[in-house]
Amino acid sequence: MCNLKFVTMFCCFLLNLGIVISQSYGTQIPSGDDSYTLANLGFSFSYFGSVFSQVSISINGYVCLGSNSGCRSVTRPTPHDILVGLNYDLNTGKSGSGQIYYQSLNSSSSYFTQAQGYVNRLDSSFRARNVFMVTYDRVLPHDSSCSNQTSFQVFLLTDGIKNYVAFKYELCPTSCPTL
């Protein structure tokens, strides 16, 4: 599941666990198409040998680490700073589409506890100090012929030494084109 040979103390994993996303999402990013929003993590996150304190949240289903103006397109020359939850041409400005939210979680948050539990399936000794969550809630593809909503979350977790990324899905489109 995890390959720690390439990046010390990093593990990325995918969870397809049915989730119910609640109404406590955090800060909503502006609606639109092919844009991104810069957000502060509130902590340092190491990934592929670089340390980041900000993320650029793309409307199109991925999160770029750092203040990255190239986060509009997933076809970039250096993919080591991008976390792809879903590579779709999404549009939160489309009628009927949901929204995208982000927040740093504190340890009393149920999402913090859930994210901690997911990592503990792989690393029972891990105790997160910081968790950042991005929620894509019922967003629609840009393609007008596709009406499949999708909901998923991207989590960044750290204990100050180890860093983990988790993806959690509720609704996944099955028949729409990718970017």
C-alpha atoms as a PDB file:
ATOM      1  CA  MET A   1       0.000   0.000   0.000  1.00  0.00           C
ATOM      2  CA  CYS A   2       2.692   2.487   0.958  1.00  0.00           C
ATOM      3  CA  ASN A   3       6.029   2.904  -0.678  1.00  0.00           C
ATOM      4  CA  LEU A   4       8.343   4.720   1.706  1.00  0.00           C
ATOM      5  CA  LYS A   5      11.441   4.137  -0.455  1.00  0.00           C
ATOM      6  CA  PHE A   6      10.881   7.289  -2.495  1.00  0.00           C
ATOM      7  CA  VAL A   7       9.876   9.843   0.109  1.00  0.00           C
ATOM      8  CA  THR A   8      10.792   9.437   3.751  1.00  0.00           C
ATOM      9  CA  MET A   9       7.821   9.451   6.112  1.00  0.00           C
ATOM     10  CA  PHE A  10       5.212   9.940   3.379  1.00  0.00           C
ATOM     11  CA  CYS A  11       2.388   7.663   2.436  1.00  0.00           C
ATOM     12  CA  CYS A  12      -0.531   8.298   0.120  1.00  0.00           C
ATOM     13  CA  PHE A  13      -3.556   6.043   0.112  1.00  0.00           C
ATOM     14  CA  LEU A  14      -7.019   5.892  -1.356  1.00  0.00           C
ATOM     15  CA  LEU A  15     -10.138   5.062   0.599  1.00  0.00           C
ATOM     16  CA  ASN A  16     -13.414   4.282  -1.096  1.00  0.00           C
ATOM     17  CA  LEU A  17     -15.520   4.307   2.045  1.00  0.00           C
ATOM     18  CA  GLY A  18     -19.091   5.501   1.808  1.00  0.00           C
ATOM     19  CA  ILE A  19     -19.186   8.872   3.546  1.00  0.00           C
ATOM     20  CA  VAL A  20     -21.823  11.313   4.546  1.00  0.00           C
ATOM     21  CA  ILE A  21     -20.530  14.838   4.227  1.00  0.00           C
ATOM     22  CA  SER A  22     -22.084  17.118   6.847  1.00  0.00           C
ATOM     23  CA  GLN A  23     -22.740  20.846   6.694  1.00  0.00           C
ATOM     24  CA  SER A  24     -19.599  21.841   8.653  1.00  0.00           C
ATOM     25  CA  TYR A  25     -17.317  22.216   5.640  1.00  0.00           C
ATOM     26  CA  GLY A  26     -15.323  25.374   6.453  1.00  0.00           C
ATOM     27  CA  THR A  27     -14.530  28.226   4.070  1.00  0.00           C
ATOM     28  CA  GLN A  28     -16.256  28.118   0.684  1.00  0.00           C
ATOM     29  CA  ILE A  29     -14.099  28.866  -2.346  1.00  0.00           C
ATOM     30  CA  PRO A  30     -15.583  31.143  -5.053  1.00  0.00           C
ATOM     31  CA  SER A  31     -17.804  29.419  -7.625  1.00  0.00           C
ATOM     32  CA  GLY A  32     -16.577  29.169 -11.173  1.00  0.00           C
ATOM     33  CA  ASP A  33     -14.841  27.128 -13.834  1.00  0.00           C
ATOM     34  CA  ASP A  34     -11.125  26.369 -14.271  1.00  0.00           C
ATOM     35  CA  SER A  35      -9.994  28.505 -11.344  1.00  0.00           C
ATOM     36  CA  TYR A  36      -8.210  27.909  -8.061  1.00  0.00           C
ATOM     37  CA  THR A  37      -8.085  29.396  -4.560  1.00  0.00           C
ATOM     38  CA  LEU A  38      -4.991  29.814  -2.382  1.00  0.00           C
ATOM     39  CA  ALA A  39      -5.409  28.660   1.241  1.00  0.00           C
ATOM     40  CA  ASN A  40      -3.052  28.605   4.235  1.00  0.00           C
ATOM     41  CA  LEU A  41      -2.629  25.193   5.832  1.00  0.00           C
ATOM     42  CA  GLY A  42      -1.797  26.593   9.267  1.00  0.00           C
ATOM     43  CA  PHE A  43       1.133  24.143   9.528  1.00  0.00           C
ATOM     44  CA  SER A  44       4.094  22.841   7.512  1.00  0.00           C
ATOM     45  CA  PHE A  45       3.531  19.802   5.303  1.00  0.00           C
ATOM     46  CA  SER A  46       6.442  17.886   3.727  1.00  0.00           C
ATOM     47  CA  TYR A  47       5.868  16.219   0.378  1.00  0.00           C
ATOM     48  CA  PHE A  48       8.487  14.750  -1.993  1.00  0.00           C
ATOM     49  CA  GLY A  49      11.291  16.595  -0.207  1.00  0.00           C
ATOM     50  CA  SER A  50       9.649  20.040  -0.209  1.00  0.00           C
ATOM     51  CA  VAL A  51       7.867  21.791   2.651  1.00  0.00           C
ATOM     52  CA  PHE A  52       4.587  23.618   2.031  1.00  0.00           C
ATOM     53  CA  SER A  53       2.447  25.947   4.172  1.00  0.00           C
ATOM     54  CA  GLN A  54      -0.168  26.754   1.517  1.00  0.00           C
ATOM     55  CA  VAL A  55      -2.285  24.880  -1.010  1.00  0.00           C
ATOM     56  CA  SER A  56      -3.952  25.968  -4.237  1.00  0.00           C
ATOM     57  CA  ILE A  57      -7.372  24.319  -4.468  1.00  0.00           C
ATOM     58  CA  SER A  58      -8.483  23.722  -8.053  1.00  0.00           C
ATOM     59  CA  ILE A  59     -12.138  23.598  -8.995  1.00  0.00           C
ATOM     60  CA  ASN A  60     -11.247  20.643 -11.249  1.00  0.00           C
ATOM     61  CA  GLY A  61     -10.772  18.127  -8.437  1.00  0.00           C
ATOM     62  CA  TYR A  62      -7.161  18.482  -7.338  1.00  0.00           C
ATOM     63  CA  VAL A  63      -5.050  20.325  -4.797  1.00  0.00           C
ATOM     64  CA  CYS A  64      -1.648  21.796  -5.647  1.00  0.00           C
ATOM     65  CA  LEU A  65       0.828  22.217  -2.826  1.00  0.00           C
ATOM     66  CA  GLY A  66       2.153  25.760  -2.522  1.00  0.00           C
ATOM     67  CA  SER A  67       1.034  29.010  -4.105  1.00  0.00           C
ATOM     68  CA  ASN A  68       0.812  27.598  -7.582  1.00  0.00           C
ATOM     69  CA  SER A  69      -0.631  29.578 -10.483  1.00  0.00           C
ATOM     70  CA  GLY A  70      -0.290  26.422 -12.629  1.00  0.00           C
ATOM     71  CA  CYS A  71      -2.999  24.727 -10.592  1.00  0.00           C
ATOM     72  CA  ARG A  72      -5.549  25.420 -13.331  1.00  0.00           C
ATOM     73  CA  SER A  73      -4.216  22.494 -15.362  1.00  0.00           C
ATOM     74  CA  VAL A  74      -3.202  19.029 -14.186  1.00  0.00           C
ATOM     75  CA  THR A  75      -0.958  18.535 -17.254  1.00  0.00           C
ATOM     76  CA  ARG A  76       2.148  20.103 -15.784  1.00  0.00           C
ATOM     77  CA  PRO A  77       5.840  19.252 -16.023  1.00  0.00           C
ATOM     78  CA  THR A  78       6.331  18.717 -12.243  1.00  0.00           C
ATOM     79  CA  PRO A  79       3.544  16.531 -10.844  1.00  0.00           C
ATOM     80  CA  HIS A  80       5.234  16.058  -7.457  1.00  0.00           C
ATOM     81  CA  ASP A  81       3.261  18.908  -5.908  1.00  0.00           C
ATOM     82  CA  ILE A  82      -0.246  17.915  -6.965  1.00  0.00           C
ATOM     83  CA  LEU A  83      -2.822  15.736  -5.167  1.00  0.00           C
ATOM     84  CA  VAL A  84      -5.415  14.519  -7.648  1.00  0.00           C
ATOM     85  CA  GLY A  85      -8.676  13.509  -6.014  1.00  0.00           C
ATOM     86  CA  LEU A  86     -10.551  13.571  -9.304  1.00  0.00           C
ATOM     87  CA  ASN A  87      -9.263  14.806 -12.661  1.00  0.00           C
ATOM     88  CA  TYR A  88     -12.527  16.157 -14.119  1.00  0.00           C
ATOM     89  CA  ASP A  89     -13.485  19.433 -15.732  1.00  0.00           C
ATOM     90  CA  LEU A  90     -15.757  20.559 -12.887  1.00  0.00           C
ATOM     91  CA  ASN A  91     -17.795  23.758 -12.752  1.00  0.00           C
ATOM     92  CA  THR A  92     -19.185  25.028  -9.446  1.00  0.00           C
ATOM     93  CA  GLY A  93     -20.749  27.986 -11.244  1.00  0.00           C
ATOM     94  CA  LYS A  94     -23.100  25.646 -13.132  1.00  0.00           C
ATOM     95  CA  SER A  95     -26.741  25.625 -12.057  1.00  0.00           C
ATOM     96  CA  GLY A  96     -27.381  22.757  -9.641  1.00  0.00           C
ATOM     97  CA  SER A  97     -23.722  22.277  -8.754  1.00  0.00           C
ATOM     98  CA  GLY A  98     -22.525  22.053  -5.183  1.00  0.00           C
ATOM     99  CA  GLN A  99     -19.485  23.854  -3.832  1.00  0.00           C
ATOM    100  CA  ILE A 100     -15.912  23.372  -2.615  1.00  0.00           C
ATOM    101  CA  TYR A 101     -14.774  24.117   0.936  1.00  0.00           C
ATOM    102  CA  TYR A 102     -11.590  23.932   2.995  1.00  0.00           C
ATOM    103  CA  GLN A 103     -10.566  24.086   6.629  1.00  0.00           C
ATOM    104  CA  SER A 104      -7.832  23.288   9.118  1.00  0.00           C
ATOM    105  CA  LEU A 105      -9.288  20.893  11.659  1.00  0.00           C
ATOM    106  CA  ASN A 106      -8.749  20.877  15.396  1.00  0.00           C
ATOM    107  CA  SER A 107      -8.521  17.668  17.375  1.00  0.00           C
ATOM    108  CA  SER A 108     -12.104  17.982  18.671  1.00  0.00           C
ATOM    109  CA  SER A 109     -13.510  17.826  15.105  1.00  0.00           C
ATOM    110  CA  SER A 110     -15.177  14.568  14.060  1.00  0.00           C
ATOM    111  CA  TYR A 111     -13.388  14.875  10.688  1.00  0.00           C
ATOM    112  CA  PHE A 112     -10.024  15.053  12.508  1.00  0.00           C
ATOM    113  CA  THR A 113     -10.920  11.844  14.365  1.00  0.00           C
ATOM    114  CA  GLN A 114     -12.068  10.125  11.147  1.00  0.00           C
ATOM    115  CA  ALA A 115      -8.916  11.107   9.236  1.00  0.00           C
ATOM    116  CA  GLN A 116      -6.762   9.935  12.155  1.00  0.00           C
ATOM    117  CA  GLY A 117      -8.591   6.599  12.077  1.00  0.00           C
ATOM    118  CA  TYR A 118      -7.972   6.123   8.346  1.00  0.00           C
ATOM    119  CA  VAL A 119      -4.233   6.615   8.791  1.00  0.00           C
ATOM    120  CA  ASN A 120      -4.187   4.322  11.825  1.00  0.00           C
ATOM    121  CA  ARG A 121      -5.286   1.461   9.554  1.00  0.00           C
ATOM    122  CA  LEU A 122      -1.820   1.710   7.990  1.00  0.00           C
ATOM    123  CA  ASP A 123       0.212   3.188  10.840  1.00  0.00           C
ATOM    124  CA  SER A 124      -1.217   2.416  14.278  1.00  0.00           C
ATOM    125  CA  SER A 125       1.352   4.618  16.032  1.00  0.00           C
ATOM    126  CA  PHE A 126       0.532   7.788  14.051  1.00  0.00           C
ATOM    127  CA  ARG A 127      -1.045  10.628  16.077  1.00  0.00           C
ATOM    128  CA  ALA A 128      -1.919  13.643  13.937  1.00  0.00           C
ATOM    129  CA  ARG A 129      -1.143  17.102  15.254  1.00  0.00           C
ATOM    130  CA  ASN A 130      -2.577  18.894  12.232  1.00  0.00           C
ATOM    131  CA  VAL A 131      -5.217  18.000   9.636  1.00  0.00           C
ATOM    132  CA  PHE A 132      -6.322  20.084   6.633  1.00  0.00           C
ATOM    133  CA  MET A 133      -9.465  19.083   4.708  1.00  0.00           C
ATOM    134  CA  VAL A 134     -10.784  20.044   1.278  1.00  0.00           C
ATOM    135  CA  THR A 135     -14.395  19.042   0.541  1.00  0.00           C
ATOM    136  CA  TYR A 136     -15.845  18.822  -2.969  1.00  0.00           C
ATOM    137  CA  ASP A 137     -19.576  18.642  -2.190  1.00  0.00           C
ATOM    138  CA  ARG A 138     -22.001  17.576  -4.967  1.00  0.00           C
ATOM    139  CA  VAL A 139     -20.021  19.338  -7.721  1.00  0.00           C
ATOM    140  CA  LEU A 140     -21.006  18.924 -11.368  1.00  0.00           C
ATOM    141  CA  PRO A 141     -18.874  18.468 -14.492  1.00  0.00           C
ATOM    142  CA  HIS A 142     -18.620  21.354 -16.952  1.00  0.00           C
ATOM    143  CA  ASP A 143     -19.896  19.113 -19.774  1.00  0.00           C
ATOM    144  CA  SER A 144     -23.601  19.921 -20.179  1.00  0.00           C
ATOM    145  CA  SER A 145     -24.372  16.321 -21.236  1.00  0.00           C
ATOM    146  CA  CYS A 146     -23.174  15.022 -17.868  1.00  0.00           C
ATOM    147  CA  SER A 147     -25.281  15.532 -14.752  1.00  0.00           C
ATOM    148  CA  ASN A 148     -23.470  13.177 -12.350  1.00  0.00           C
ATOM    149  CA  GLN A 149     -22.638  14.926  -9.089  1.00  0.00           C
ATOM    150  CA  THR A 150     -19.479  14.011  -7.235  1.00  0.00           C
ATOM    151  CA  SER A 151     -18.527  14.415  -3.572  1.00  0.00           C
ATOM    152  CA  PHE A 152     -15.116  13.661  -2.101  1.00  0.00           C
ATOM    153  CA  GLN A 153     -12.593  14.960   0.407  1.00  0.00           C
ATOM    154  CA  VAL A 154      -8.819  15.406   0.418  1.00  0.00           C
ATOM    155  CA  PHE A 155      -7.032  15.277   3.794  1.00  0.00           C
ATOM    156  CA  LEU A 156      -3.459  16.323   4.609  1.00  0.00           C
ATOM    157  CA  LEU A 157      -2.290  15.011   7.999  1.00  0.00           C
ATOM    158  CA  THR A 158       0.967  15.460   9.890  1.00  0.00           C
ATOM    159  CA  ASP A 159       2.374  14.692  13.288  1.00  0.00           C
ATOM    160  CA  GLY A 160       5.334  16.996  12.598  1.00  0.00           C
ATOM    161  CA  ILE A 161       7.466  14.099  11.317  1.00  0.00           C
ATOM    162  CA  LYS A 162       5.245  11.838   9.229  1.00  0.00           C
ATOM    163  CA  ASN A 163       2.893  13.237   6.591  1.00  0.00           C
ATOM    164  CA  TYR A 164      -0.100  11.494   5.062  1.00  0.00           C
ATOM    165  CA  VAL A 165      -2.615  12.253   2.327  1.00  0.00           C
ATOM    166  CA  ALA A 166      -6.038  10.576   2.281  1.00  0.00           C
ATOM    167  CA  PHE A 167      -8.851  10.728  -0.292  1.00  0.00           C
ATOM    168  CA  LYS A 168     -12.395   9.895   0.813  1.00  0.00           C
ATOM    169  CA  TYR A 169     -15.277   9.462  -1.681  1.00  0.00           C
ATOM    170  CA  GLU A 170     -19.048   9.542  -1.411  1.00  0.00           C
ATOM    171  CA  LEU A 171     -20.350  10.125  -4.955  1.00  0.00           C
ATOM    172  CA  CYS A 172     -18.242   9.200  -7.966  1.00  0.00           C
ATOM    173  CA  PRO A 173     -19.311   9.916 -11.549  1.00  0.00           C
ATOM    174  CA  THR A 174     -19.064   6.886 -13.792  1.00  0.00           C
ATOM    175  CA  SER A 175     -19.721   8.067 -17.332  1.00  0.00           C
ATOM    176  CA  CYS A 176     -18.313  11.583 -17.765  1.00  0.00           C
ATOM    177  CA  PRO A 177     -15.150  12.552 -19.625  1.00  0.00           C
ATOM    178  CA  THR A 178     -11.962  13.429 -17.744  1.00  0.00           C
ATOM    179  CA  LEU A 179      -9.814  16.454 -18.524  1.00  0.00           C
END
